[in-house]
Amino acid sequence: MDWLSIIPPLVAIVVVFWKKEVILALLLAVLSAEALLLLTGDGNILLSPVTSIERVIDTASSPGNTRVLIFSVLVGALLAYIRDSGGVTATVDMLVRRGVAKSRKQVGGITMFTGIAVFIESNLSVLTAGIFARGLFDKFSMSRARLAYIIDSTSAPVCILILLNGWGAFILSLLDGYSLSETSASILWGTVPLNFYALFTLAIVAWTIARDKVHGPMKQAEEEHRTAMHAPEAEPATKARFMLVPLITMVVSMVGFMLWTGNGSLAQGSGSKSVLYATALATAVAYALLLLHKRFTHTEAVHIGFKGMGELLPLVTIVLLSLTLGNSLKVLGTGVFVAGIVGEFLPLVLIVPMLFLAGAVMSFTTGTSWGTFAILVPIGVPLIQALGLPPSLVIAAILGGGIFGDHCSPISDTTAVSSLAAGCDVLTHVKTQLPYALVAGVMTLIAYFIASLIMIG
């Protein structure tokens, strides 16, 4: 298969930027991937639409994927409840009145802090920060693209730096199968100061907030937002509790569900189960508040909930197709091929930068960070053992590369969820965020080259 396996993600990326249509791009990518699988397996290429449908069904039948899809639909109902109840407007008014959010810089800072504080799971991080900050960004005429950038570029980098979560448990499980001079835990914690991509990304987000300046496509999006006429998204202010109580319920219950599914261990908990249960509970609490305070009748609340779900169906479709494409690319072997760019005869000082580059390209073209970790860690650890490379430096480069695609690839489900949480078009989010991610990526490559010179020689 070799180079042919890179065709589907290239099709997706080219169509996304050419036709400005994400769903079409993902559909064509899935079709091309299935066609290649039939071609190499002596099957009838005309059956690719049928096998594509079966791939979608297979993807949706996975318990983990089904939870993500249900969670994405439930978010629509939750957003509708807190919006139509007037809770968003009331919360914004309260924060402005108390001086907590009285400037654009403070609004950006609160949003970033919220994303950092909810480090337990990346989807929960973007969801909480996105829902919380939507009204504030509208109040201060800040674009939804900027909100999507802040929450997306905060969630995954924070999750990979504060490793007391499912991310840390997954990486430990990958490392535990190898015999190394240090324990898996010490290697993993040693990656924190060496994960330059995550650190640079967070620093750039903080810089854009502190300076209240944006550049490139983001600046254009901000200017278009300020000059356009926008209808108010939320109802007149009622009670802040309609928004704050469901959000607090979601965050607190997420911790409880992580402990429950992990048998008392936060790091061993199931992120997909916990975020679904927490979102479902928050939605139920929001519904109950509306009935308890007689804001809506049962019939009106049900109608509002289903209306909110319907509003998010296009984004849920993108999430489903992103997961489907990831499954097709896994069977096709795209990730393994991209990993081959590391090569066998690189100078020692170039191995670590190239591992980061391989991870970045792989995660961008496949849309998965954990899949990138699963492929590159088994490549990186033997290099550590054979060449005596610093374990934490090598693993940090792989983790940083995986994070790159996780939060900026147009075919990543995390990108779609971030757009969903911020209320931003997926393609607009990708175009406005990518320049910042590329700057951080170039800085990271240089940093790993310098670190390799110092630590490897």
Protein backbone atom coordinates (compact mmCIF):
# COMPACT_ATOMS: atom_id res chain seq x y z
CA MET A 1 0.00 0.00 0.00
CA ASP A 2 2.73 2.46 1.08
CA TRP A 3 2.23 5.91 -0.42
CA LEU A 4 -1.32 5.15 -1.60
CA SER A 5 -2.44 5.10 2.03
CA ILE A 6 -1.84 8.84 2.31
CA ILE A 7 -4.37 9.63 -0.46
CA PRO A 8 -7.60 9.63 1.66
CA PRO A 9 -6.44 12.22 4.24
CA LEU A 10 -4.99 14.33 1.42
CA VAL A 11 -8.36 14.17 -0.35
CA ALA A 12 -10.08 15.33 2.83
CA ILE A 13 -7.70 18.22 3.45
CA VAL A 14 -7.67 19.41 -0.18
CA VAL A 15 -11.48 19.30 -0.50
CA VAL A 16 -11.93 21.07 2.85
CA PHE A 17 -9.88 24.07 1.75
CA TRP A 18 -11.03 23.95 -1.90
CA LYS A 19 -14.79 23.48 -1.56
CA LYS A 20 -15.11 24.83 2.00
CA GLU A 21 -17.27 21.80 2.84
CA VAL A 22 -16.15 19.52 5.68
CA ILE A 23 -18.86 16.82 5.42
CA LEU A 24 -18.25 16.39 1.67
CA ALA A 25 -14.50 16.18 2.27
CA LEU A 26 -14.88 13.49 4.92
CA LEU A 27 -17.32 11.49 2.79
CA LEU A 28 -14.95 11.53 -0.19
CA ALA A 29 -12.02 10.57 2.05
CA VAL A 30 -13.92 7.59 3.50
CA LEU A 31 -14.99 6.50 0.00
CA SER A 32 -11.42 6.74 -1.31
CA ALA A 33 -10.06 4.81 1.68
CA GLU A 34 -12.60 2.02 1.19
CA ALA A 35 -11.91 1.97 -2.55
CA LEU A 36 -8.19 1.51 -1.89
CA LEU A 37 -8.90 -1.31 0.56
CA LEU A 38 -11.04 -3.08 -2.05
CA LEU A 39 -8.42 -2.45 -4.74
CA THR A 40 -5.62 -3.99 -2.72
CA GLY A 41 -7.80 -6.84 -1.53
CA ASP A 42 -8.90 -7.93 -5.02
CA GLY A 43 -12.42 -6.67 -4.35
CA ASN A 44 -14.81 -4.79 -6.61
CA ILE A 45 -14.06 -1.08 -6.32
CA LEU A 46 -17.69 -0.31 -7.26
CA LEU A 47 -18.70 -1.66 -3.86
CA SER A 48 -16.85 1.14 -2.04
CA PRO A 49 -20.12 3.03 -1.23
CA VAL A 50 -21.49 -0.13 0.38
CA THR A 51 -18.33 -0.83 2.39
CA SER A 52 -18.25 2.85 3.42
CA ILE A 53 -21.75 2.51 4.87
CA GLU A 54 -20.67 -0.64 6.70
CA ARG A 55 -17.60 1.21 8.03
CA VAL A 56 -19.89 3.93 9.40
CA ILE A 57 -22.07 1.29 11.06
CA ASP A 58 -19.00 -0.47 12.47
CA THR A 59 -17.74 2.85 13.84
CA ALA A 60 -21.08 3.76 15.39
CA SER A 61 -21.39 0.28 16.95
CA SER A 62 -18.24 0.82 19.02
CA PRO A 63 -19.31 1.63 22.62
CA GLY A 64 -16.70 4.39 22.95
CA ASN A 65 -17.71 6.05 19.68
CA THR A 66 -21.41 5.72 20.48
CA ARG A 67 -20.83 7.53 23.76
CA VAL A 68 -19.06 10.38 21.96
CA LEU A 69 -21.94 10.70 19.49
CA ILE A 70 -24.65 10.66 22.17
CA PHE A 71 -22.64 13.15 24.21
CA SER A 72 -22.42 15.45 21.17
CA VAL A 73 -26.19 15.28 20.66
CA LEU A 74 -26.93 15.88 24.35
CA VAL A 75 -24.75 18.97 24.29
CA GLY A 76 -27.29 20.50 21.90
CA ALA A 77 -30.10 20.05 24.41
CA LEU A 78 -27.97 21.38 27.27
CA LEU A 79 -26.97 24.46 25.27
CA ALA A 80 -30.58 25.11 24.30
CA TYR A 81 -31.78 24.87 27.91
CA ILE A 82 -29.26 27.31 29.34
CA ARG A 83 -29.64 29.67 26.37
CA ASP A 84 -33.42 29.79 26.06
CA SER A 85 -33.86 29.94 29.82
CA GLY A 86 -32.07 33.30 29.95
CA GLY A 87 -29.35 31.81 32.14
CA VAL A 88 -26.53 32.80 29.76
CA THR A 89 -27.52 36.48 29.73
CA ALA A 90 -28.03 36.49 33.50
CA THR A 91 -24.58 34.95 34.10
CA VAL A 92 -22.89 37.45 31.78
CA ASP A 93 -24.65 40.37 33.49
CA MET A 94 -23.65 39.05 36.91
CA LEU A 95 -19.96 38.64 35.98
CA VAL A 96 -19.80 42.10 34.39
CA ARG A 97 -21.62 43.70 37.31
CA ARG A 98 -19.24 42.15 39.84
CA GLY A 99 -16.17 43.22 37.86
CA VAL A 100 -14.99 39.67 37.19
CA ALA A 101 -15.31 40.13 33.43
CA LYS A 102 -15.10 43.83 32.68
CA SER A 103 -12.63 43.73 29.76
CA ARG A 104 -11.72 41.59 26.77
CA LYS A 105 -8.49 40.52 28.47
CA GLN A 106 -10.35 39.35 31.55
CA VAL A 107 -12.85 37.42 29.43
CA GLY A 108 -10.01 35.64 27.59
CA GLY A 109 -8.23 34.94 30.87
CA ILE A 110 -11.33 33.48 32.51
CA THR A 111 -11.93 31.26 29.48
CA MET A 112 -8.36 29.94 29.47
CA PHE A 113 -8.42 29.40 33.25
CA THR A 114 -11.67 27.43 32.97
CA GLY A 115 -10.13 25.18 30.30
CA ILE A 116 -7.04 24.60 32.45
CA ALA A 117 -9.01 23.93 35.62
CA VAL A 118 -11.09 21.22 33.94
CA PHE A 119 -8.08 19.10 32.93
CA ILE A 120 -9.71 15.76 33.63
CA GLU A 121 -10.89 15.17 30.04
CA SER A 122 -10.31 17.20 26.87
CA ASN A 123 -13.92 17.13 25.63
CA LEU A 124 -15.19 18.23 29.04
CA SER A 125 -12.60 21.02 29.09
CA VAL A 126 -13.65 22.52 25.75
CA LEU A 127 -17.35 22.00 26.51
CA THR A 128 -17.28 23.70 29.91
CA ALA A 129 -15.12 26.63 28.81
CA GLY A 130 -17.02 27.05 25.54
CA ILE A 131 -20.49 27.09 27.08
CA PHE A 132 -19.36 29.32 29.94
CA ALA A 133 -17.67 31.93 27.72
CA ARG A 134 -20.06 32.14 24.73
CA GLY A 135 -22.15 34.95 26.18
CA LEU A 136 -19.09 36.84 27.43
CA PHE A 137 -17.46 36.77 24.00
CA ASP A 138 -20.67 38.07 22.44
CA LYS A 139 -20.92 40.79 25.09
CA PHE A 140 -17.44 42.10 24.26
CA SER A 141 -17.74 41.61 20.46
CA MET A 142 -15.13 38.83 20.35
CA SER A 143 -15.52 36.26 17.57
CA ARG A 144 -16.54 32.65 18.15
CA ALA A 145 -13.46 31.65 16.12
CA ARG A 146 -11.30 33.20 18.82
CA LEU A 147 -13.24 31.35 21.51
CA ALA A 148 -12.79 28.05 19.63
CA TYR A 149 -9.05 28.73 19.36
CA ILE A 150 -8.63 29.45 23.07
CA ILE A 151 -10.55 26.42 24.32
CA ASP A 152 -9.12 24.00 21.74
CA SER A 153 -5.51 25.15 22.20
CA THR A 154 -5.88 24.92 25.97
CA SER A 155 -7.63 21.56 26.45
CA ALA A 156 -5.34 18.97 24.85
CA PRO A 157 -2.04 20.67 25.84
CA VAL A 158 -3.21 20.90 29.45
CA CYS A 159 -4.40 17.28 29.49
CA ILE A 160 -0.97 16.12 28.30
CA LEU A 161 0.86 18.28 30.88
CA ILE A 162 -1.35 17.54 33.91
CA LEU A 163 -1.28 13.79 33.58
CA LEU A 164 -3.70 12.87 36.40
CA ASN A 165 -6.28 11.73 33.87
CA GLY A 166 -7.03 9.12 31.20
CA TRP A 167 -4.29 10.51 28.94
CA GLY A 168 -1.64 9.71 31.53
CA ALA A 169 -3.05 6.24 32.16
CA PHE A 170 -3.07 5.45 28.43
CA ILE A 171 0.55 6.51 27.89
CA LEU A 172 1.67 4.60 30.99
CA SER A 173 0.02 1.48 29.57
CA LEU A 174 2.05 1.92 26.38
CA LEU A 175 5.32 2.31 28.29
CA ASP A 176 4.78 -0.46 30.84
CA GLY A 177 5.49 -3.17 28.26
CA TYR A 178 9.14 -2.15 27.91
CA SER A 179 12.20 -2.61 30.09
CA LEU A 180 13.81 0.78 30.59
CA SER A 181 16.35 2.26 33.00
CA GLU A 182 13.64 4.42 34.61
CA THR A 183 10.11 3.63 35.70
CA SER A 184 7.28 4.45 33.30
CA ALA A 185 5.90 6.99 35.76
CA SER A 186 9.21 8.85 36.14
CA ILE A 187 9.67 8.96 32.35
CA LEU A 188 6.14 10.27 31.88
CA TRP A 189 6.48 13.00 34.51
CA GLY A 190 9.85 13.88 33.01
CA THR A 191 8.09 14.74 29.73
CA VAL A 192 6.25 17.70 31.28
CA PRO A 193 9.06 20.31 31.07
CA LEU A 194 10.19 18.84 27.72
CA ASN A 195 6.81 18.86 25.98
CA PHE A 196 7.70 22.04 24.13
CA TYR A 197 4.73 22.02 21.78
CA ALA A 198 2.17 21.98 24.59
CA LEU A 199 4.09 24.65 26.52
CA PHE A 200 4.55 26.91 23.47
CA THR A 201 0.88 26.53 22.50
CA LEU A 202 -0.31 27.58 25.96
CA ALA A 203 2.18 30.47 25.98
CA ILE A 204 0.91 31.74 22.62
CA VAL A 205 -2.70 31.55 23.80
CA ALA A 206 -1.78 33.49 26.95
CA TRP A 207 0.10 36.06 24.84
CA THR A 208 -2.86 36.68 22.53
CA ILE A 209 -5.07 37.18 25.60
CA ALA A 210 -2.64 39.46 27.45
CA ARG A 211 -2.03 41.63 24.38
CA ASP A 212 -5.61 41.39 23.11
CA LYS A 213 -4.18 41.05 19.62
CA VAL A 214 -4.78 38.46 16.93
CA HIS A 215 -3.19 38.00 13.54
CA GLY A 216 -3.83 36.52 10.09
CA PRO A 217 -7.18 34.82 9.43
CA MET A 218 -8.13 35.27 13.10
CA LYS A 219 -7.81 39.05 12.78
CA GLN A 220 -10.04 38.97 9.70
CA ALA A 221 -12.61 36.85 11.55
CA GLU A 222 -12.58 39.36 14.43
CA GLU A 223 -13.10 42.30 12.09
CA GLU A 224 -15.92 40.55 10.25
CA HIS A 225 -17.58 39.73 13.56
CA ARG A 226 -17.46 43.34 14.75
CA THR A 227 -18.86 44.79 11.54
CA ALA A 228 -21.61 42.18 11.03
CA MET A 229 -25.05 42.58 12.53
CA HIS A 230 -25.74 39.78 15.02
CA ALA A 231 -29.09 38.80 16.45
CA PRO A 232 -28.92 38.13 20.18
CA GLU A 233 -28.40 34.44 20.84
CA ALA A 234 -29.88 34.29 24.31
CA GLU A 235 -33.19 35.22 25.91
CA PRO A 236 -33.46 38.22 28.29
CA ALA A 237 -31.72 37.71 31.63
CA THR A 238 -33.56 35.60 34.19
CA LYS A 239 -31.50 33.65 36.75
CA ALA A 240 -27.78 32.82 36.54
CA ARG A 241 -28.47 29.49 38.24
CA PHE A 242 -30.06 28.20 35.00
CA MET A 243 -26.55 28.18 33.54
CA LEU A 244 -24.21 27.85 36.52
CA VAL A 245 -25.93 24.94 38.32
CA PRO A 246 -25.87 22.60 35.26
CA LEU A 247 -22.25 23.52 34.49
CA ILE A 248 -21.10 22.97 38.07
CA THR A 249 -23.06 19.70 38.12
CA MET A 250 -21.29 18.58 34.95
CA VAL A 251 -17.79 19.34 36.23
CA VAL A 252 -18.25 17.93 39.73
CA SER A 253 -20.06 14.79 38.56
CA MET A 254 -17.35 14.22 35.94
CA VAL A 255 -14.83 13.83 38.77
CA GLY A 256 -17.19 11.48 40.58
CA PHE A 257 -17.83 9.37 37.49
CA MET A 258 -14.09 9.20 36.73
CA LEU A 259 -13.46 7.87 40.24
CA TRP A 260 -16.39 5.46 39.95
CA THR A 261 -15.40 4.02 36.56
CA GLY A 262 -11.76 3.87 37.69
CA ASN A 263 -12.57 2.01 40.94
CA GLY A 264 -11.32 4.91 43.03
CA SER A 265 -8.50 5.96 40.69
CA LEU A 266 -9.00 9.19 38.73
CA ALA A 267 -6.33 8.27 36.17
CA GLN A 268 -7.90 4.86 35.50
CA GLY A 269 -11.40 6.24 34.91
CA SER A 270 -13.15 6.06 31.55
CA GLY A 271 -13.22 9.48 29.92
CA SER A 272 -15.87 8.57 27.33
CA LYS A 273 -18.22 7.08 29.92
CA SER A 274 -17.71 9.84 32.46
CA VAL A 275 -18.21 12.77 30.08
CA LEU A 276 -21.41 11.17 28.74
CA TYR A 277 -22.82 10.49 32.21
CA ALA A 278 -21.85 13.99 33.40
CA THR A 279 -23.43 15.66 30.36
CA ALA A 280 -26.60 13.61 30.71
CA LEU A 281 -26.86 14.53 34.40
CA ALA A 282 -26.25 18.21 33.67
CA THR A 283 -28.94 18.16 30.97
CA ALA A 284 -31.39 16.52 33.38
CA VAL A 285 -30.58 19.13 36.06
CA ALA A 286 -31.09 21.97 33.56
CA TYR A 287 -34.46 20.48 32.55
CA ALA A 288 -35.52 20.05 36.18
CA LEU A 289 -34.62 23.66 37.01
CA LEU A 290 -36.76 24.92 34.15
CA LEU A 291 -39.76 22.95 35.44
CA LEU A 292 -39.11 23.73 39.12
CA HIS A 293 -39.03 27.49 38.50
CA LYS A 294 -41.92 27.20 36.02
CA ARG A 295 -39.81 28.78 33.27
CA PHE A 296 -41.22 26.27 30.77
CA THR A 297 -43.78 23.48 30.77
CA HIS A 298 -42.70 19.89 30.17
CA THR A 299 -43.86 20.04 26.55
CA GLU A 300 -42.02 23.32 25.92
CA ALA A 301 -38.82 22.00 27.54
CA VAL A 302 -38.88 18.81 25.45
CA HIS A 303 -39.40 20.88 22.29
CA ILE A 304 -36.48 23.15 23.20
CA GLY A 305 -34.24 20.15 23.92
CA PHE A 306 -34.93 18.47 20.59
CA LYS A 307 -34.54 21.79 18.77
CA GLY A 308 -31.09 22.15 20.34
CA MET A 309 -30.15 18.61 19.32
CA GLY A 310 -31.25 19.34 15.76
CA GLU A 311 -29.09 22.45 15.59
CA LEU A 312 -25.99 20.33 16.22
CA LEU A 313 -26.74 17.46 13.81
CA PRO A 314 -24.31 18.79 11.13
CA LEU A 315 -21.48 18.87 13.67
CA VAL A 316 -22.43 15.44 15.05
CA THR A 317 -22.27 14.15 11.47
CA ILE A 318 -18.75 15.57 11.17
CA VAL A 319 -17.76 13.80 14.41
CA LEU A 320 -19.16 10.49 13.12
CA LEU A 321 -17.41 10.78 9.75
CA SER A 322 -14.14 11.81 11.43
CA LEU A 323 -14.24 8.68 13.59
CA THR A 324 -15.15 6.57 10.54
CA LEU A 325 -12.24 7.95 8.52
CA GLY A 326 -9.91 7.22 11.42
CA ASN A 327 -11.03 3.57 11.40
CA SER A 328 -10.55 3.29 7.64
CA LEU A 329 -7.07 4.83 7.83
CA LYS A 330 -6.13 2.43 10.62
CA VAL A 331 -6.97 -0.57 8.43
CA LEU A 332 -5.23 1.11 5.49
CA GLY A 333 -2.03 1.57 7.51
CA THR A 334 -1.69 5.31 6.92
CA GLY A 335 -0.22 5.97 10.35
CA VAL A 336 2.45 3.30 10.01
CA PHE A 337 3.47 4.71 6.62
CA VAL A 338 3.75 8.27 7.91
CA ALA A 339 5.81 7.03 10.86
CA GLY A 340 8.31 5.68 8.34
CA ILE A 341 9.49 9.21 7.56
CA VAL A 342 11.60 9.01 10.72
CA GLY A 343 14.03 6.83 8.80
CA GLU A 344 16.72 4.46 10.02
CA PHE A 345 19.89 6.43 9.29
CA LEU A 346 19.25 9.88 10.77
CA PRO A 347 21.96 11.61 12.82
CA LEU A 348 21.25 11.26 16.53
CA VAL A 349 20.48 14.96 17.00
CA LEU A 350 17.77 14.80 14.33
CA ILE A 351 15.91 11.74 15.65
CA VAL A 352 13.92 13.59 18.32
CA PRO A 353 12.89 16.53 16.05
CA MET A 354 11.89 14.03 13.35
CA LEU A 355 9.81 12.02 15.82
CA PHE A 356 7.92 15.20 16.66
CA LEU A 357 7.50 15.97 12.94
CA ALA A 358 6.31 12.42 12.23
CA GLY A 359 3.79 12.66 15.06
CA ALA A 360 2.55 16.05 13.85
CA VAL A 361 2.08 14.87 10.26
CA MET A 362 0.49 11.60 11.37
CA SER A 363 -1.96 13.19 13.80
CA PHE A 364 -2.87 15.91 11.28
CA THR A 365 -3.52 13.44 8.47
CA THR A 366 -5.34 10.86 10.62
CA GLY A 367 -7.03 13.20 13.10
CA THR A 368 -6.10 11.15 16.17
CA SER A 369 -3.61 11.81 18.94
CA TRP A 370 -4.02 8.53 20.85
CA GLY A 371 -3.63 6.58 17.61
CA THR A 372 -0.41 8.50 16.96
CA PHE A 373 0.86 7.65 20.45
CA ALA A 374 0.00 3.97 19.93
CA ILE A 375 2.05 3.83 16.71
CA LEU A 376 5.02 6.03 17.57
CA VAL A 377 5.74 4.94 21.16
CA PRO A 378 6.62 1.39 19.97
CA ILE A 379 8.94 3.04 17.41
CA GLY A 380 10.50 5.50 19.85
CA VAL A 381 11.17 3.17 22.78
CA PRO A 382 13.43 0.77 20.80
CA LEU A 383 15.41 3.84 19.69
CA ILE A 384 15.82 4.76 23.36
CA GLN A 385 17.04 1.26 24.17
CA ALA A 386 19.36 0.86 21.18
CA LEU A 387 20.86 4.34 21.00
CA GLY A 388 20.74 5.45 24.63
CA LEU A 389 18.50 8.45 23.91
CA PRO A 390 16.97 10.38 26.86
CA PRO A 391 13.63 8.59 27.45
CA SER A 392 11.61 11.62 28.56
CA LEU A 393 12.84 13.73 25.64
CA VAL A 394 11.85 11.10 23.07
CA ILE A 395 8.42 10.46 24.61
CA ALA A 396 7.78 14.21 24.99
CA ALA A 397 8.43 14.73 21.27
CA ILE A 398 5.97 11.96 20.37
CA LEU A 399 3.31 13.33 22.71
CA GLY A 400 3.73 16.87 21.39
CA GLY A 401 3.44 15.67 17.81
CA GLY A 402 0.22 13.85 18.62
CA ILE A 403 -1.26 16.95 20.27
CA PHE A 404 -0.58 19.06 17.15
CA GLY A 405 -3.06 17.20 14.95
CA ASP A 406 -5.49 16.57 17.80
CA HIS A 407 -6.38 20.24 18.11
CA CYS A 408 -5.94 21.63 14.58
CA SER A 409 -6.63 18.89 12.00
CA PRO A 410 -9.84 19.46 10.01
CA ILE A 411 -10.59 15.73 10.24
CA SER A 412 -10.13 15.46 14.02
CA ASP A 413 -13.21 14.78 16.12
CA THR A 414 -11.73 17.02 18.83
CA THR A 415 -11.66 19.93 16.38
CA ALA A 416 -15.35 19.33 15.65
CA VAL A 417 -16.25 19.14 19.35
CA SER A 418 -14.37 22.40 20.02
CA SER A 419 -16.27 24.09 17.19
CA LEU A 420 -19.48 22.68 18.62
CA ALA A 421 -18.70 24.03 22.11
CA ALA A 422 -17.82 27.48 20.80
CA GLY A 423 -20.63 27.73 18.25
CA CYS A 424 -18.15 28.23 15.42
CA ASP A 425 -17.95 26.82 11.90
CA VAL A 426 -15.43 23.96 11.77
CA LEU A 427 -13.55 25.24 8.72
CA THR A 428 -13.36 28.77 10.14
CA HIS A 429 -11.93 27.32 13.34
CA VAL A 430 -9.29 25.34 11.46
CA LYS A 431 -8.23 28.27 9.25
CA THR A 432 -7.97 30.73 12.13
CA GLN A 433 -6.18 28.37 14.53
CA LEU A 434 -3.70 26.74 12.15
CA PRO A 435 -1.26 29.69 11.83
CA TYR A 436 -0.79 29.74 15.60
CA ALA A 437 -0.30 25.97 15.69
CA LEU A 438 2.28 26.13 12.89
CA VAL A 439 4.24 28.85 14.71
CA ALA A 440 4.29 26.69 17.83
CA GLY A 441 5.30 23.68 15.69
CA VAL A 442 8.29 25.47 14.12
CA MET A 443 9.41 26.74 17.52
CA THR A 444 9.11 23.18 18.85
CA LEU A 445 11.26 21.72 16.06
CA ILE A 446 13.99 24.26 16.82
CA ALA A 447 13.69 23.60 20.57
CA TYR A 448 14.04 19.83 20.11
CA PHE A 449 17.10 20.31 17.91
CA ILE A 450 18.73 22.49 20.57
CA ALA A 451 17.70 20.10 23.35
CA SER A 452 19.13 17.18 21.35
CA LEU A 453 22.45 19.00 20.95
CA ILE A 454 22.59 19.59 24.70
CA MET A 455 21.27 16.24 25.96
CA ILE A 456 22.57 13.90 23.25
CA GLY A 457 25.53 15.80 21.80
